[in-house]
Amino acid sequence: MKEGKSRGEAQEMTRFKYDGYEFQVKRSKFPSDLWMFRIEVPMGPDFCVPVIFPAGTEMKSTEGWIGLELN
């Protein structure tokens, strides 16, 4: 925590522009040849309404998720 700053002010001072995130996944940890993907990202200005891709999909069901064949 920066001296003399509130928690919100300290967090605001740590923001910086970036190109995105890179994830590395060890394939041996997931033996299936079909991986299913869904991305949900909180975005401003309303962080309570996330951006979801593919749109209309839900976290509790893989129906409509993107499938990636790895063979």
PDB file of N, CA and C in Angstrom:
ATOM      1  N   MET A   1       0.854  -1.175   0.000  1.00  0.00           N
ATOM      2  CA  MET A   1       0.000   0.000   0.000  1.00  0.00           C
ATOM      3  C   MET A   1       0.898   1.235   0.000  1.00  0.00           C
ATOM      4  N   LYS A   2       0.626   2.127  -0.868  1.00  0.00           N
ATOM      5  CA  LYS A   2       1.393   3.376  -0.967  1.00  0.00           C
ATOM      6  C   LYS A   2       1.048   4.258   0.225  1.00  0.00           C
ATOM      7  N   GLU A   3       2.062   4.814   0.862  1.00  0.00           N
ATOM      8  CA  GLU A   3       1.837   5.654   2.038  1.00  0.00           C
ATOM      9  C   GLU A   3       0.956   6.847   1.711  1.00  0.00           C
ATOM     10  N   GLY A   4      -0.027   7.092   2.578  1.00  0.00           N
ATOM     11  CA  GLY A   4      -0.891   8.245   2.420  1.00  0.00           C
ATOM     12  C   GLY A   4      -1.974   8.087   1.372  1.00  0.00           C
ATOM     13  N   LYS A   5      -2.111   6.905   0.782  1.00  0.00           N
ATOM     14  CA  LYS A   5      -3.120   6.673  -0.254  1.00  0.00           C
ATOM     15  C   LYS A   5      -4.147   5.659   0.252  1.00  0.00           C
ATOM     16  N   SER A   6      -5.388   5.834  -0.174  1.00  0.00           N
ATOM     17  CA  SER A   6      -6.412   4.844   0.163  1.00  0.00           C
ATOM     18  C   SER A   6      -6.181   3.603  -0.694  1.00  0.00           C
ATOM     19  N   ARG A   7      -6.885   2.519  -0.381  1.00  0.00           N
ATOM     20  CA  ARG A   7      -6.750   1.288  -1.151  1.00  0.00           C
ATOM     21  C   ARG A   7      -7.123   1.534  -2.617  1.00  0.00           C
ATOM     22  N   GLY A   8      -8.220   2.257  -2.867  1.00  0.00           N
ATOM     23  CA  GLY A   8      -8.639   2.554  -4.232  1.00  0.00           C
ATOM     24  C   GLY A   8      -7.623   3.394  -4.980  1.00  0.00           C
ATOM     25  N   GLU A   9      -7.058   4.401  -4.330  1.00  0.00           N
ATOM     26  CA  GLU A   9      -6.039   5.243  -4.973  1.00  0.00           C
ATOM     27  C   GLU A   9      -4.784   4.438  -5.294  1.00  0.00           C
ATOM     28  N   ALA A  10      -4.396   3.554  -4.387  1.00  0.00           N
ATOM     29  CA  ALA A  10      -3.210   2.724  -4.610  1.00  0.00           C
ATOM     30  C   ALA A  10      -3.435   1.782  -5.790  1.00  0.00           C
ATOM     31  N   GLN A  11      -4.626   1.195  -5.897  1.00  0.00           N
ATOM     32  CA  GLN A  11      -4.925   0.317  -7.028  1.00  0.00           C
ATOM     33  C   GLN A  11      -4.919   1.097  -8.329  1.00  0.00           C
ATOM     34  N   GLU A  12      -5.483   2.276  -8.324  1.00  0.00           N
ATOM     35  CA  GLU A  12      -5.532   3.097  -9.536  1.00  0.00           C
ATOM     36  C   GLU A  12      -4.124   3.433 -10.021  1.00  0.00           C
ATOM     37  N   MET A  13      -3.190   3.607  -9.126  1.00  0.00           N
ATOM     38  CA  MET A  13      -1.814   3.947  -9.492  1.00  0.00           C
ATOM     39  C   MET A  13      -1.084   2.768 -10.137  1.00  0.00           C
ATOM     40  N   THR A  14      -1.588   1.535  -9.954  1.00  0.00           N
ATOM     41  CA  THR A  14      -0.906   0.360 -10.500  1.00  0.00           C
ATOM     42  C   THR A  14      -1.400  -0.027 -11.890  1.00  0.00           C
ATOM     43  N   ARG A  15      -2.385   0.687 -12.418  1.00  0.00           N
ATOM     44  CA  ARG A  15      -2.899   0.349 -13.754  1.00  0.00           C
ATOM     45  C   ARG A  15      -1.907   0.729 -14.839  1.00  0.00           C
ATOM     46  N   PHE A  16      -1.848  -0.106 -15.867  1.00  0.00           N
ATOM     47  CA  PHE A  16      -0.984   0.150 -17.004  1.00  0.00           C
ATOM     48  C   PHE A  16      -1.583  -0.509 -18.232  1.00  0.00           C
ATOM     49  N   LYS A  17      -1.243  -0.027 -19.415  1.00  0.00           N
ATOM     50  CA  LYS A  17      -1.750  -0.622 -20.650  1.00  0.00           C
ATOM     51  C   LYS A  17      -1.008  -1.923 -20.921  1.00  0.00           C
ATOM     52  N   TYR A  18      -1.719  -2.885 -21.486  1.00  0.00           N
ATOM     53  CA  TYR A  18      -1.116  -4.173 -21.824  1.00  0.00           C
ATOM     54  C   TYR A  18      -1.820  -4.738 -23.049  1.00  0.00           C
ATOM     55  N   ASP A  19      -1.191  -5.661 -23.733  1.00  0.00           N
ATOM     56  CA  ASP A  19      -1.749  -6.257 -24.938  1.00  0.00           C
ATOM     57  C   ASP A  19      -2.669  -7.438 -24.634  1.00  0.00           C
ATOM     58  N   GLY A  20      -2.630  -7.959 -23.445  1.00  0.00           N
ATOM     59  CA  GLY A  20      -3.474  -9.093 -23.089  1.00  0.00           C
ATOM     60  C   GLY A  20      -2.746 -10.074 -22.202  1.00  0.00           C
ATOM     61  N   TYR A  21      -3.283 -11.265 -22.096  1.00  0.00           N
ATOM     62  CA  TYR A  21      -2.707 -12.314 -21.258  1.00  0.00           C
ATOM     63  C   TYR A  21      -2.319 -13.502 -22.124  1.00  0.00           C
ATOM     64  N   GLU A  22      -1.316 -14.208 -21.706  1.00  0.00           N
ATOM     65  CA  GLU A  22      -0.926 -15.460 -22.357  1.00  0.00           C
ATOM     66  C   GLU A  22      -1.049 -16.566 -21.323  1.00  0.00           C
ATOM     67  N   PHE A  23      -1.721 -17.644 -21.694  1.00  0.00           N
ATOM     68  CA  PHE A  23      -1.865 -18.792 -20.820  1.00  0.00           C
ATOM     69  C   PHE A  23      -1.146 -19.975 -21.447  1.00  0.00           C
ATOM     70  N   GLN A  24      -0.392 -20.688 -20.645  1.00  0.00           N
ATOM     71  CA  GLN A  24       0.257 -21.910 -21.108  1.00  0.00           C
ATOM     72  C   GLN A  24      -0.332 -23.066 -20.305  1.00  0.00           C
ATOM     73  N   VAL A  25      -0.828 -24.073 -21.026  1.00  0.00           N
ATOM     74  CA  VAL A  25      -1.485 -25.210 -20.401  1.00  0.00           C
ATOM     75  C   VAL A  25      -0.721 -26.469 -20.776  1.00  0.00           C
ATOM     76  N   LYS A  26      -0.355 -27.248 -19.777  1.00  0.00           N
ATOM     77  CA  LYS A  26       0.352 -28.499 -20.028  1.00  0.00           C
ATOM     78  C   LYS A  26      -0.654 -29.541 -20.510  1.00  0.00           C
ATOM     79  N   ARG A  27      -0.516 -29.968 -21.750  1.00  0.00           N
ATOM     80  CA  ARG A  27      -1.477 -30.866 -22.378  1.00  0.00           C
ATOM     81  C   ARG A  27      -1.641 -32.176 -21.604  1.00  0.00           C
ATOM     82  N   SER A  28      -0.600 -32.682 -21.005  1.00  0.00           N
ATOM     83  CA  SER A  28      -0.689 -33.959 -20.276  1.00  0.00           C
ATOM     84  C   SER A  28      -1.624 -33.869 -19.060  1.00  0.00           C
ATOM     85  N   LYS A  29      -1.929 -32.684 -18.591  1.00  0.00           N
ATOM     86  CA  LYS A  29      -2.843 -32.514 -17.455  1.00  0.00           C
ATOM     87  C   LYS A  29      -4.300 -32.704 -17.872  1.00  0.00           C
ATOM     88  N   PHE A  30      -4.579 -32.597 -19.185  1.00  0.00           N
ATOM     89  CA  PHE A  30      -5.924 -32.738 -19.726  1.00  0.00           C
ATOM     90  C   PHE A  30      -5.865 -33.732 -20.879  1.00  0.00           C
ATOM     91  N   PRO A  31      -6.102 -35.023 -20.621  1.00  0.00           N
ATOM     92  CA  PRO A  31      -5.860 -36.059 -21.623  1.00  0.00           C
ATOM     93  C   PRO A  31      -6.807 -36.061 -22.829  1.00  0.00           C
ATOM     94  N   SER A  32      -7.926 -35.364 -22.782  1.00  0.00           N
ATOM     95  CA  SER A  32      -8.878 -35.377 -23.886  1.00  0.00           C
ATOM     96  C   SER A  32      -8.307 -34.655 -25.109  1.00  0.00           C
ATOM     97  N   ASP A  33      -8.699 -35.116 -26.311  1.00  0.00           N
ATOM     98  CA  ASP A  33      -8.280 -34.448 -27.544  1.00  0.00           C
ATOM     99  C   ASP A  33      -9.216 -33.305 -27.929  1.00  0.00           C
ATOM    100  N   LEU A  34     -10.311 -33.112 -27.188  1.00  0.00           N
ATOM    101  CA  LEU A  34     -11.230 -32.011 -27.447  1.00  0.00           C
ATOM    102  C   LEU A  34     -11.278 -31.114 -26.216  1.00  0.00           C
ATOM    103  N   TRP A  35     -10.832 -29.891 -26.380  1.00  0.00           N
ATOM    104  CA  TRP A  35     -10.876 -28.909 -25.302  1.00  0.00           C
ATOM    105  C   TRP A  35     -11.994 -27.936 -25.603  1.00  0.00           C
ATOM    106  N   MET A  36     -12.786 -27.611 -24.587  1.00  0.00           N
ATOM    107  CA  MET A  36     -13.910 -26.691 -24.735  1.00  0.00           C
ATOM    108  C   MET A  36     -13.547 -25.363 -24.070  1.00  0.00           C
ATOM    109  N   PHE A  37     -13.849 -24.252 -24.771  1.00  0.00           N
ATOM    110  CA  PHE A  37     -13.484 -22.933 -24.274  1.00  0.00           C
ATOM    111  C   PHE A  37     -14.690 -22.016 -24.182  1.00  0.00           C
ATOM    112  N   ARG A  38     -14.688 -21.195 -23.152  1.00  0.00           N
ATOM    113  CA  ARG A  38     -15.650 -20.111 -22.967  1.00  0.00           C
ATOM    114  C   ARG A  38     -14.901 -19.018 -22.227  1.00  0.00           C
ATOM    115  N   ILE A  39     -15.045 -17.795 -22.674  1.00  0.00           N
ATOM    116  CA  ILE A  39     -14.335 -16.671 -22.054  1.00  0.00           C
ATOM    117  C   ILE A  39     -15.363 -15.709 -21.480  1.00  0.00           C
ATOM    118  N   GLU A  40     -15.155 -15.334 -20.226  1.00  0.00           N
ATOM    119  CA  GLU A  40     -16.020 -14.356 -19.548  1.00  0.00           C
ATOM    120  C   GLU A  40     -15.111 -13.332 -18.884  1.00  0.00           C
ATOM    121  N   VAL A  41     -15.226 -12.083 -19.316  1.00  0.00           N
ATOM    122  CA  VAL A  41     -14.319 -11.034 -18.842  1.00  0.00           C
ATOM    123  C   VAL A  41     -15.108  -9.833 -18.346  1.00  0.00           C
ATOM    124  N   PRO A  42     -14.891  -9.414 -17.094  1.00  0.00           N
ATOM    125  CA  PRO A  42     -15.532  -8.179 -16.638  1.00  0.00           C
ATOM    126  C   PRO A  42     -14.875  -6.984 -17.333  1.00  0.00           C
ATOM    127  N   MET A  43     -15.683  -6.144 -17.937  1.00  0.00           N
ATOM    128  CA  MET A  43     -15.156  -4.993 -18.669  1.00  0.00           C
ATOM    129  C   MET A  43     -15.892  -3.739 -18.212  1.00  0.00           C
ATOM    130  N   GLY A  44     -15.169  -2.647 -18.189  1.00  0.00           N
ATOM    131  CA  GLY A  44     -15.778  -1.363 -17.864  1.00  0.00           C
ATOM    132  C   GLY A  44     -16.603  -0.847 -19.017  1.00  0.00           C
ATOM    133  N   PRO A  45     -17.461   0.077 -18.842  1.00  0.00           N
ATOM    134  CA  PRO A  45     -17.669   0.819 -17.589  1.00  0.00           C
ATOM    135  C   PRO A  45     -18.520   0.083 -16.568  1.00  0.00           C
ATOM    136  N   ASP A  46     -19.274  -0.949 -16.962  1.00  0.00           N
ATOM    137  CA  ASP A  46     -20.119  -1.684 -16.022  1.00  0.00           C
ATOM    138  C   ASP A  46     -19.511  -3.057 -15.767  1.00  0.00           C
ATOM    139  N   PHE A  47     -18.663  -3.157 -14.756  1.00  0.00           N
ATOM    140  CA  PHE A  47     -17.953  -4.401 -14.466  1.00  0.00           C
ATOM    141  C   PHE A  47     -18.887  -5.517 -13.980  1.00  0.00           C
ATOM    142  N   CYS A  48     -20.143  -5.187 -13.659  1.00  0.00           N
ATOM    143  CA  CYS A  48     -21.105  -6.201 -13.230  1.00  0.00           C
ATOM    144  C   CYS A  48     -21.682  -6.966 -14.418  1.00  0.00           C
ATOM    145  N   VAL A  49     -21.490  -6.438 -15.648  1.00  0.00           N
ATOM    146  CA  VAL A  49     -22.002  -7.091 -16.856  1.00  0.00           C
ATOM    147  C   VAL A  49     -20.802  -7.529 -17.693  1.00  0.00           C
ATOM    148  N   PRO A  50     -20.366  -8.794 -17.574  1.00  0.00           N
ATOM    149  CA  PRO A  50     -19.168  -9.238 -18.286  1.00  0.00           C
ATOM    150  C   PRO A  50     -19.403  -9.440 -19.782  1.00  0.00           C
ATOM    151  N   VAL A  51     -18.316  -9.387 -20.540  1.00  0.00           N
ATOM    152  CA  VAL A  51     -18.342  -9.754 -21.950  1.00  0.00           C
ATOM    153  C   VAL A  51     -18.155 -11.265 -22.003  1.00  0.00           C
ATOM    154  N   ILE A  52     -19.022 -11.963 -22.737  1.00  0.00           N
ATOM    155  CA  ILE A  52     -18.974 -13.428 -22.804  1.00  0.00           C
ATOM    156  C   ILE A  52     -18.805 -13.862 -24.254  1.00  0.00           C
ATOM    157  N   PHE A  53     -17.848 -14.767 -24.481  1.00  0.00           N
ATOM    158  CA  PHE A  53     -17.642 -15.331 -25.808  1.00  0.00           C
ATOM    159  C   PHE A  53     -17.522 -16.844 -25.680  1.00  0.00           C
ATOM    160  N   PRO A  54     -18.287 -17.586 -26.433  1.00  0.00           N
ATOM    161  CA  PRO A  54     -19.349 -17.214 -27.343  1.00  0.00           C
ATOM    162  C   PRO A  54     -20.552 -16.661 -26.575  1.00  0.00           C
ATOM    163  N   ALA A  55     -21.168 -15.632 -27.149  1.00  0.00           N
ATOM    164  CA  ALA A  55     -22.312 -14.976 -26.521  1.00  0.00           C
ATOM    165  C   ALA A  55     -23.437 -15.971 -26.296  1.00  0.00           C
ATOM    166  N   GLY A  56     -24.150 -15.791 -25.195  1.00  0.00           N
ATOM    167  CA  GLY A  56     -25.303 -16.634 -24.896  1.00  0.00           C
ATOM    168  C   GLY A  56     -24.976 -17.952 -24.218  1.00  0.00           C
ATOM    169  N   THR A  57     -23.695 -18.238 -23.976  1.00  0.00           N
ATOM    170  CA  THR A  57     -23.324 -19.481 -23.298  1.00  0.00           C
ATOM    171  C   THR A  57     -23.320 -19.276 -21.792  1.00  0.00           C
ATOM    172  N   GLU A  58     -23.343 -20.397 -21.076  1.00  0.00           N
ATOM    173  CA  GLU A  58     -23.359 -20.350 -19.612  1.00  0.00           C
ATOM    174  C   GLU A  58     -22.212 -21.162 -19.032  1.00  0.00           C
ATOM    175  N   MET A  59     -21.783 -20.783 -17.855  1.00  0.00           N
ATOM    176  CA  MET A  59     -20.677 -21.465 -17.192  1.00  0.00           C
ATOM    177  C   MET A  59     -21.062 -22.885 -16.773  1.00  0.00           C
ATOM    178  N   LYS A  60     -22.325 -23.118 -16.460  1.00  0.00           N
ATOM    179  CA  LYS A  60     -22.763 -24.418 -15.936  1.00  0.00           C
ATOM    180  C   LYS A  60     -22.990 -25.471 -17.004  1.00  0.00           C
ATOM    181  N   SER A  61     -22.903 -25.092 -18.295  1.00  0.00           N
ATOM    182  CA  SER A  61     -23.135 -26.042 -19.386  1.00  0.00           C
ATOM    183  C   SER A  61     -22.156 -25.736 -20.517  1.00  0.00           C
ATOM    184  N   THR A  62     -21.600 -26.775 -21.134  1.00  0.00           N
ATOM    185  CA  THR A  62     -20.660 -26.557 -22.239  1.00  0.00           C
ATOM    186  C   THR A  62     -21.370 -26.411 -23.584  1.00  0.00           C
ATOM    187  N   GLU A  63     -22.701 -26.404 -23.580  1.00  0.00           N
ATOM    188  CA  GLU A  63     -23.462 -26.232 -24.819  1.00  0.00           C
ATOM    189  C   GLU A  63     -23.139 -24.872 -25.447  1.00  0.00           C
ATOM    190  N   GLY A  64     -22.665 -24.903 -26.698  1.00  0.00           N
ATOM    191  CA  GLY A  64     -22.346 -23.680 -27.417  1.00  0.00           C
ATOM    192  C   GLY A  64     -20.914 -23.198 -27.250  1.00  0.00           C
ATOM    193  N   TRP A  65     -20.133 -23.852 -26.383  1.00  0.00           N
ATOM    194  CA  TRP A  65     -18.742 -23.459 -26.194  1.00  0.00           C
ATOM    195  C   TRP A  65     -17.936 -23.767 -27.447  1.00  0.00           C
ATOM    196  N   ILE A  66     -16.788 -23.143 -27.599  1.00  0.00           N
ATOM    197  CA  ILE A  66     -15.884 -23.387 -28.728  1.00  0.00           C
ATOM    198  C   ILE A  66     -15.115 -24.678 -28.446  1.00  0.00           C
ATOM    199  N   GLY A  67     -15.078 -25.570 -29.422  1.00  0.00           N
ATOM    200  CA  GLY A  67     -14.328 -26.817 -29.292  1.00  0.00           C
ATOM    201  C   GLY A  67     -13.028 -26.731 -30.071  1.00  0.00           C
ATOM    202  N   LEU A  68     -11.961 -27.192 -29.480  1.00  0.00           N
ATOM    203  CA  LEU A  68     -10.641 -27.187 -30.122  1.00  0.00           C
ATOM    204  C   LEU A  68     -10.124 -28.614 -30.169  1.00  0.00           C
ATOM    205  N   GLU A  69      -9.990 -29.186 -31.379  1.00  0.00           N
ATOM    206  CA  GLU A  69      -9.456 -30.548 -31.553  1.00  0.00           C
ATOM    207  C   GLU A  69      -7.929 -30.496 -31.517  1.00  0.00           C
ATOM    208  N   LEU A  70      -7.319 -31.346 -30.724  1.00  0.00           N
ATOM    209  CA  LEU A  70      -5.870 -31.310 -30.541  1.00  0.00           C
ATOM    210  C   LEU A  70      -5.134 -32.467 -31.193  1.00  0.00           C
ATOM    211  N   ASN A  71      -5.771 -33.276 -32.031  1.00  0.00           N
ATOM    212  CA  ASN A  71      -5.037 -34.385 -32.622  1.00  0.00           C
ATOM    213  C   ASN A  71      -4.401 -34.004 -33.913  1.00  0.00           C
TER     214      ASN A  71
END
